[in-house]
Amino acid sequence: MNVPALQDYFAKVAPLPQKFGVYDCCTFLIESLLIGWDRDFRDELRYFDRKTAVARLRQDGGLREAFEVVFGPGGYIKDGPPGSIAWFGDEGQKSVGLVMPIGIFVKGNGCIHRFIMEDYRTGWRTD
């Protein structure tokens, strides 16, 4: 895990407004995995604007399903290793977060939220 590069990236993107299809939770996650772990999922998950994001999610059946296309069925991750993906949103708004040693980071509107890892959370390992 490249901590200095992640710190620089988080400082740069934290103040950005969240805009679906332009800079959102998925974009934050994909770029974090590339910068922090050199894991490149851009071809599998990235979109470039709202129109292509909507088309992609419709094609796959939703946000969770798009991640399942790439990583397989989500499973429970307990104390998942840094660089894993955590799922939020079995009800209401849906999002994905980056598992870090001090919690789960999720891109918000003008900030990065940090959540404490619950005992069990659905997600995917990326290693």
N, C-alpha and C. Protein backbone atom coordinates (compact mmCIF):
# COMPACT_ATOMS: atom_id res chain seq x y z
N MET A 1 0.85 -1.18 0.00
CA MET A 1 0.00 0.00 0.00
C MET A 1 0.89 1.24 0.00
N ASN A 2 0.68 2.11 -0.95
CA ASN A 2 1.46 3.33 -1.08
C ASN A 2 0.77 4.46 -0.31
N VAL A 3 1.07 4.55 0.97
CA VAL A 3 0.40 5.51 1.85
C VAL A 3 0.62 6.96 1.42
N PRO A 4 1.86 7.40 1.14
CA PRO A 4 2.04 8.79 0.73
C PRO A 4 1.24 9.17 -0.52
N ALA A 5 1.21 8.28 -1.50
CA ALA A 5 0.46 8.57 -2.72
C ALA A 5 -1.04 8.65 -2.44
N LEU A 6 -1.54 7.77 -1.58
CA LEU A 6 -2.96 7.81 -1.20
C LEU A 6 -3.28 9.09 -0.44
N GLN A 7 -2.41 9.50 0.49
CA GLN A 7 -2.65 10.73 1.24
C GLN A 7 -2.72 11.93 0.29
N ASP A 8 -1.81 11.99 -0.67
CA ASP A 8 -1.84 13.09 -1.64
C ASP A 8 -3.12 13.06 -2.46
N TYR A 9 -3.49 11.87 -2.90
CA TYR A 9 -4.71 11.73 -3.70
C TYR A 9 -5.95 12.13 -2.90
N PHE A 10 -6.07 11.65 -1.67
CA PHE A 10 -7.22 11.98 -0.83
C PHE A 10 -7.31 13.49 -0.60
N ALA A 11 -6.17 14.13 -0.34
CA ALA A 11 -6.16 15.58 -0.12
C ALA A 11 -6.63 16.32 -1.38
N LYS A 12 -6.25 15.81 -2.53
CA LYS A 12 -6.62 16.44 -3.80
C LYS A 12 -8.11 16.29 -4.10
N VAL A 13 -8.66 15.11 -3.85
CA VAL A 13 -10.04 14.85 -4.29
C VAL A 13 -11.09 15.10 -3.21
N ALA A 14 -10.70 15.17 -1.96
CA ALA A 14 -11.69 15.35 -0.89
C ALA A 14 -12.61 16.55 -1.14
N PRO A 15 -12.09 17.71 -1.53
CA PRO A 15 -12.98 18.86 -1.70
C PRO A 15 -13.84 18.83 -2.97
N LEU A 16 -13.58 17.90 -3.87
CA LEU A 16 -14.34 17.87 -5.12
C LEU A 16 -15.80 17.52 -4.86
N PRO A 17 -16.70 18.19 -5.58
CA PRO A 17 -18.11 17.80 -5.46
C PRO A 17 -18.32 16.43 -6.08
N GLN A 18 -19.23 15.68 -5.50
CA GLN A 18 -19.55 14.37 -6.07
C GLN A 18 -20.59 14.58 -7.15
N LYS A 19 -20.31 14.03 -8.32
CA LYS A 19 -21.24 14.14 -9.44
C LYS A 19 -21.29 12.79 -10.13
N PHE A 20 -22.46 12.18 -10.10
CA PHE A 20 -22.64 10.84 -10.67
C PHE A 20 -22.19 10.82 -12.12
N GLY A 21 -21.36 9.82 -12.43
CA GLY A 21 -20.89 9.62 -13.79
C GLY A 21 -19.67 10.45 -14.14
N VAL A 22 -19.32 11.43 -13.31
CA VAL A 22 -18.16 12.27 -13.56
C VAL A 22 -17.10 12.02 -12.50
N TYR A 23 -17.45 12.30 -11.25
CA TYR A 23 -16.57 11.95 -10.12
C TYR A 23 -17.47 11.48 -8.99
N ASP A 24 -17.47 10.19 -8.75
CA ASP A 24 -18.39 9.61 -7.78
C ASP A 24 -17.68 8.50 -7.00
N CYS A 25 -18.43 7.72 -6.24
CA CYS A 25 -17.83 6.69 -5.38
C CYS A 25 -17.05 5.66 -6.19
N CYS A 26 -17.54 5.31 -7.36
CA CYS A 26 -16.86 4.32 -8.19
C CYS A 26 -15.54 4.88 -8.74
N THR A 27 -15.56 6.11 -9.22
CA THR A 27 -14.34 6.74 -9.72
C THR A 27 -13.30 6.84 -8.60
N PHE A 28 -13.73 7.28 -7.42
CA PHE A 28 -12.83 7.39 -6.26
C PHE A 28 -12.20 6.04 -5.95
N LEU A 29 -13.00 5.00 -5.95
CA LEU A 29 -12.51 3.67 -5.62
C LEU A 29 -11.52 3.16 -6.66
N ILE A 30 -11.86 3.28 -7.92
CA ILE A 30 -10.98 2.80 -9.00
C ILE A 30 -9.64 3.52 -8.96
N GLU A 31 -9.68 4.84 -8.81
CA GLU A 31 -8.43 5.60 -8.79
C GLU A 31 -7.62 5.29 -7.53
N SER A 32 -8.27 5.10 -6.40
CA SER A 32 -7.56 4.76 -5.15
C SER A 32 -6.85 3.42 -5.28
N LEU A 33 -7.50 2.43 -5.87
CA LEU A 33 -6.87 1.12 -6.05
C LEU A 33 -5.67 1.20 -6.97
N LEU A 34 -5.76 2.03 -8.00
CA LEU A 34 -4.64 2.19 -8.92
C LEU A 34 -3.47 2.91 -8.23
N ILE A 35 -3.76 3.98 -7.53
CA ILE A 35 -2.72 4.79 -6.89
C ILE A 35 -2.10 4.06 -5.69
N GLY A 36 -2.93 3.44 -4.88
CA GLY A 36 -2.45 2.84 -3.64
C GLY A 36 -1.91 1.43 -3.75
N TRP A 37 -2.39 0.67 -4.72
CA TRP A 37 -2.01 -0.74 -4.81
C TRP A 37 -1.57 -1.16 -6.21
N ASP A 38 -1.61 -0.25 -7.15
CA ASP A 38 -1.28 -0.57 -8.54
C ASP A 38 -2.19 -1.67 -9.10
N ARG A 39 -3.45 -1.63 -8.69
CA ARG A 39 -4.47 -2.56 -9.19
C ARG A 39 -5.36 -1.77 -10.15
N ASP A 40 -5.36 -2.16 -11.39
CA ASP A 40 -6.00 -1.37 -12.43
C ASP A 40 -7.30 -2.03 -12.90
N PHE A 41 -8.41 -1.44 -12.49
CA PHE A 41 -9.73 -1.93 -12.90
C PHE A 41 -10.46 -0.92 -13.78
N ARG A 42 -9.68 0.01 -14.37
CA ARG A 42 -10.31 1.07 -15.16
C ARG A 42 -11.08 0.52 -16.35
N ASP A 43 -10.53 -0.44 -17.05
CA ASP A 43 -11.23 -0.98 -18.22
C ASP A 43 -12.52 -1.69 -17.83
N GLU A 44 -12.53 -2.31 -16.67
CA GLU A 44 -13.70 -3.08 -16.25
C GLU A 44 -14.81 -2.22 -15.65
N LEU A 45 -14.46 -1.10 -15.00
CA LEU A 45 -15.46 -0.39 -14.21
C LEU A 45 -15.67 1.08 -14.54
N ARG A 46 -14.76 1.71 -15.24
CA ARG A 46 -14.85 3.17 -15.38
C ARG A 46 -15.81 3.57 -16.48
N TYR A 47 -16.43 4.71 -16.26
CA TYR A 47 -17.25 5.38 -17.26
C TYR A 47 -16.81 6.83 -17.26
N PHE A 48 -17.26 7.61 -18.22
CA PHE A 48 -16.69 8.94 -18.42
C PHE A 48 -17.68 10.09 -18.28
N ASP A 49 -18.95 9.79 -18.23
CA ASP A 49 -19.94 10.84 -18.04
C ASP A 49 -21.24 10.19 -17.56
N ARG A 50 -22.21 11.02 -17.25
CA ARG A 50 -23.47 10.50 -16.71
C ARG A 50 -24.14 9.52 -17.69
N LYS A 51 -24.11 9.84 -18.97
CA LYS A 51 -24.78 8.99 -19.97
C LYS A 51 -24.16 7.59 -20.01
N THR A 52 -22.83 7.52 -20.06
CA THR A 52 -22.20 6.20 -20.11
C THR A 52 -22.31 5.47 -18.78
N ALA A 53 -22.36 6.22 -17.67
CA ALA A 53 -22.55 5.59 -16.36
C ALA A 53 -23.92 4.93 -16.28
N VAL A 54 -24.94 5.66 -16.69
CA VAL A 54 -26.30 5.10 -16.67
C VAL A 54 -26.39 3.88 -17.58
N ALA A 55 -25.81 3.97 -18.77
CA ALA A 55 -25.84 2.83 -19.71
C ALA A 55 -25.13 1.62 -19.11
N ARG A 56 -23.99 1.85 -18.49
CA ARG A 56 -23.22 0.75 -17.90
C ARG A 56 -23.99 0.09 -16.76
N LEU A 57 -24.55 0.90 -15.88
CA LEU A 57 -25.28 0.33 -14.75
C LEU A 57 -26.55 -0.37 -15.20
N ARG A 58 -27.20 0.14 -16.21
CA ARG A 58 -28.38 -0.55 -16.76
C ARG A 58 -27.98 -1.89 -17.38
N GLN A 59 -26.87 -1.88 -18.11
CA GLN A 59 -26.38 -3.10 -18.75
C GLN A 59 -26.09 -4.18 -17.70
N ASP A 60 -25.44 -3.79 -16.60
CA ASP A 60 -25.05 -4.76 -15.58
C ASP A 60 -26.17 -5.04 -14.58
N GLY A 61 -27.16 -4.16 -14.49
CA GLY A 61 -28.27 -4.37 -13.57
C GLY A 61 -28.18 -3.57 -12.29
N GLY A 62 -27.19 -2.69 -12.17
CA GLY A 62 -27.05 -1.85 -10.98
C GLY A 62 -25.60 -1.77 -10.54
N LEU A 63 -25.35 -0.95 -9.52
CA LEU A 63 -23.98 -0.74 -9.03
C LEU A 63 -23.39 -2.02 -8.46
N ARG A 64 -24.12 -2.67 -7.58
CA ARG A 64 -23.59 -3.91 -6.98
C ARG A 64 -23.32 -4.95 -8.06
N GLU A 65 -24.24 -5.06 -9.00
CA GLU A 65 -24.09 -6.05 -10.07
C GLU A 65 -22.87 -5.74 -10.95
N ALA A 66 -22.58 -4.45 -11.15
CA ALA A 66 -21.40 -4.09 -11.94
C ALA A 66 -20.13 -4.58 -11.25
N PHE A 67 -20.08 -4.49 -9.91
CA PHE A 67 -18.92 -5.00 -9.19
C PHE A 67 -18.89 -6.52 -9.20
N GLU A 68 -20.05 -7.15 -9.19
CA GLU A 68 -20.09 -8.61 -9.24
C GLU A 68 -19.64 -9.13 -10.61
N VAL A 69 -19.88 -8.38 -11.67
CA VAL A 69 -19.39 -8.77 -12.99
C VAL A 69 -17.86 -8.87 -12.97
N VAL A 70 -17.22 -7.93 -12.27
CA VAL A 70 -15.75 -7.88 -12.24
C VAL A 70 -15.17 -8.81 -11.18
N PHE A 71 -15.75 -8.81 -9.96
CA PHE A 71 -15.14 -9.50 -8.83
C PHE A 71 -15.86 -10.76 -8.39
N GLY A 72 -17.00 -11.08 -9.01
CA GLY A 72 -17.77 -12.24 -8.59
C GLY A 72 -18.75 -11.85 -7.50
N PRO A 73 -19.51 -12.81 -7.00
CA PRO A 73 -20.51 -12.50 -5.97
C PRO A 73 -19.86 -11.89 -4.73
N GLY A 74 -20.51 -10.88 -4.19
CA GLY A 74 -20.01 -10.27 -2.96
C GLY A 74 -20.10 -11.26 -1.82
N GLY A 75 -19.17 -11.16 -0.91
CA GLY A 75 -19.17 -12.02 0.27
C GLY A 75 -18.94 -11.17 1.50
N TYR A 76 -19.04 -11.78 2.65
CA TYR A 76 -18.79 -11.04 3.88
C TYR A 76 -17.29 -10.84 4.05
N ILE A 77 -16.92 -9.62 4.31
CA ILE A 77 -15.52 -9.33 4.62
C ILE A 77 -15.48 -8.82 6.06
N LYS A 78 -14.73 -9.50 6.87
CA LYS A 78 -14.55 -9.07 8.25
C LYS A 78 -13.08 -8.73 8.40
N ASP A 79 -12.81 -7.51 8.79
CA ASP A 79 -11.43 -7.05 8.85
C ASP A 79 -10.75 -7.29 7.51
N GLY A 80 -11.46 -6.94 6.44
CA GLY A 80 -10.91 -7.12 5.10
C GLY A 80 -9.59 -6.41 4.95
N PRO A 81 -8.69 -6.96 4.15
CA PRO A 81 -7.39 -6.32 3.98
C PRO A 81 -7.55 -4.96 3.30
N PRO A 82 -6.66 -4.00 3.60
CA PRO A 82 -6.71 -2.73 2.89
C PRO A 82 -6.70 -2.96 1.38
N GLY A 83 -7.50 -2.17 0.69
CA GLY A 83 -7.63 -2.34 -0.75
C GLY A 83 -8.83 -3.19 -1.14
N SER A 84 -9.56 -3.69 -0.15
CA SER A 84 -10.81 -4.40 -0.43
C SER A 84 -11.90 -3.37 -0.68
N ILE A 85 -13.02 -3.83 -1.18
CA ILE A 85 -14.16 -2.97 -1.49
C ILE A 85 -15.30 -3.32 -0.55
N ALA A 86 -15.88 -2.31 0.07
CA ALA A 86 -17.03 -2.51 0.96
C ALA A 86 -18.29 -1.98 0.28
N TRP A 87 -19.37 -2.70 0.40
CA TRP A 87 -20.66 -2.34 -0.18
C TRP A 87 -21.50 -1.63 0.87
N PHE A 88 -22.12 -0.53 0.47
CA PHE A 88 -23.08 0.19 1.30
C PHE A 88 -24.37 0.30 0.50
N GLY A 89 -25.49 0.00 1.10
CA GLY A 89 -26.71 0.34 0.42
C GLY A 89 -27.68 -0.76 0.12
N ASP A 90 -27.88 -1.68 1.05
CA ASP A 90 -28.92 -2.66 0.81
C ASP A 90 -30.29 -2.00 0.82
N GLU A 91 -30.36 -0.82 1.42
CA GLU A 91 -31.58 -0.01 1.41
C GLU A 91 -31.19 1.42 1.07
N GLY A 92 -31.99 2.10 0.27
CA GLY A 92 -31.73 3.50 -0.03
C GLY A 92 -30.56 3.71 -0.96
N GLN A 93 -29.80 4.78 -0.69
CA GLN A 93 -28.68 5.15 -1.56
C GLN A 93 -27.60 4.07 -1.53
N LYS A 94 -27.02 3.82 -2.68
CA LYS A 94 -26.02 2.77 -2.80
C LYS A 94 -24.64 3.38 -3.06
N SER A 95 -23.61 2.75 -2.51
CA SER A 95 -22.25 3.25 -2.68
C SER A 95 -21.26 2.12 -2.42
N VAL A 96 -20.02 2.35 -2.82
CA VAL A 96 -18.93 1.45 -2.51
C VAL A 96 -17.85 2.26 -1.80
N GLY A 97 -17.10 1.57 -0.93
CA GLY A 97 -16.05 2.24 -0.18
C GLY A 97 -14.76 1.46 -0.21
N LEU A 98 -13.69 2.14 0.11
CA LEU A 98 -12.35 1.56 0.13
C LEU A 98 -11.99 1.16 1.55
N VAL A 99 -11.68 -0.12 1.73
CA VAL A 99 -11.26 -0.59 3.06
C VAL A 99 -9.82 -0.15 3.30
N MET A 100 -9.63 0.53 4.43
CA MET A 100 -8.32 1.02 4.86
C MET A 100 -8.08 0.52 6.28
N PRO A 101 -6.83 0.59 6.78
CA PRO A 101 -6.56 0.11 8.14
C PRO A 101 -7.37 0.81 9.22
N ILE A 102 -7.80 2.06 8.97
CA ILE A 102 -8.53 2.81 10.00
C ILE A 102 -10.01 2.98 9.67
N GLY A 103 -10.54 2.19 8.79
CA GLY A 103 -11.96 2.26 8.48
C GLY A 103 -12.21 2.12 6.99
N ILE A 104 -13.43 2.47 6.60
CA ILE A 104 -13.84 2.40 5.21
C ILE A 104 -14.02 3.83 4.72
N PHE A 105 -13.36 4.18 3.62
CA PHE A 105 -13.43 5.52 3.07
C PHE A 105 -14.41 5.54 1.91
N VAL A 106 -15.33 6.52 1.93
CA VAL A 106 -16.33 6.68 0.89
C VAL A 106 -16.32 8.13 0.44
N LYS A 107 -16.30 8.35 -0.85
CA LYS A 107 -16.31 9.71 -1.38
C LYS A 107 -17.67 10.32 -1.18
N GLY A 108 -17.69 11.47 -0.53
CA GLY A 108 -18.92 12.24 -0.34
C GLY A 108 -18.86 13.51 -1.17
N ASN A 109 -19.85 14.35 -0.97
CA ASN A 109 -19.90 15.61 -1.71
C ASN A 109 -19.01 16.64 -1.01
N GLY A 110 -17.81 16.84 -1.52
CA GLY A 110 -16.87 17.79 -0.93
C GLY A 110 -16.11 17.24 0.26
N CYS A 111 -16.08 15.92 0.41
CA CYS A 111 -15.37 15.32 1.54
C CYS A 111 -15.14 13.84 1.27
N ILE A 112 -14.40 13.21 2.17
CA ILE A 112 -14.27 11.76 2.19
C ILE A 112 -14.75 11.30 3.56
N HIS A 113 -15.78 10.47 3.58
CA HIS A 113 -16.31 9.95 4.84
C HIS A 113 -15.48 8.74 5.28
N ARG A 114 -15.31 8.61 6.59
CA ARG A 114 -14.65 7.42 7.14
C ARG A 114 -15.64 6.72 8.06
N PHE A 115 -15.89 5.45 7.78
CA PHE A 115 -16.79 4.63 8.59
C PHE A 115 -15.97 3.56 9.29
N ILE A 116 -16.37 3.20 10.47
CA ILE A 116 -15.74 2.12 11.20
C ILE A 116 -16.25 0.80 10.62
N MET A 117 -15.36 -0.14 10.42
CA MET A 117 -15.74 -1.45 9.89
C MET A 117 -16.64 -2.16 10.89
N GLU A 118 -17.80 -2.55 10.43
CA GLU A 118 -18.70 -3.32 11.28
C GLU A 118 -18.16 -4.74 11.38
N ASP A 119 -18.77 -5.54 12.23
CA ASP A 119 -18.30 -6.92 12.37
C ASP A 119 -18.27 -7.63 11.02
N TYR A 120 -19.33 -7.48 10.27
CA TYR A 120 -19.39 -8.10 8.96
C TYR A 120 -19.96 -7.08 7.98
N ARG A 121 -19.39 -7.02 6.82
CA ARG A 121 -19.88 -6.14 5.76
C ARG A 121 -19.69 -6.89 4.45
N THR A 122 -20.67 -6.76 3.58
CA THR A 122 -20.55 -7.36 2.26
C THR A 122 -19.53 -6.59 1.45
N GLY A 123 -18.75 -7.29 0.66
CA GLY A 123 -17.76 -6.62 -0.16
C GLY A 123 -16.97 -7.60 -1.00
N TRP A 124 -15.87 -7.10 -1.53
CA TRP A 124 -15.04 -7.89 -2.42
C TRP A 124 -13.58 -7.64 -2.10
N ARG A 125 -12.78 -8.67 -2.15
CA ARG A 125 -11.32 -8.53 -2.06
C ARG A 125 -10.80 -8.24 -3.46
N THR A 126 -9.75 -7.44 -3.55
CA THR A 126 -9.20 -7.09 -4.87
C THR A 126 -7.80 -7.67 -5.06
N ASP A 127 -7.30 -8.42 -4.06
CA ASP A 127 -5.95 -8.96 -4.19
C ASP A 127 -5.94 -10.31 -4.87
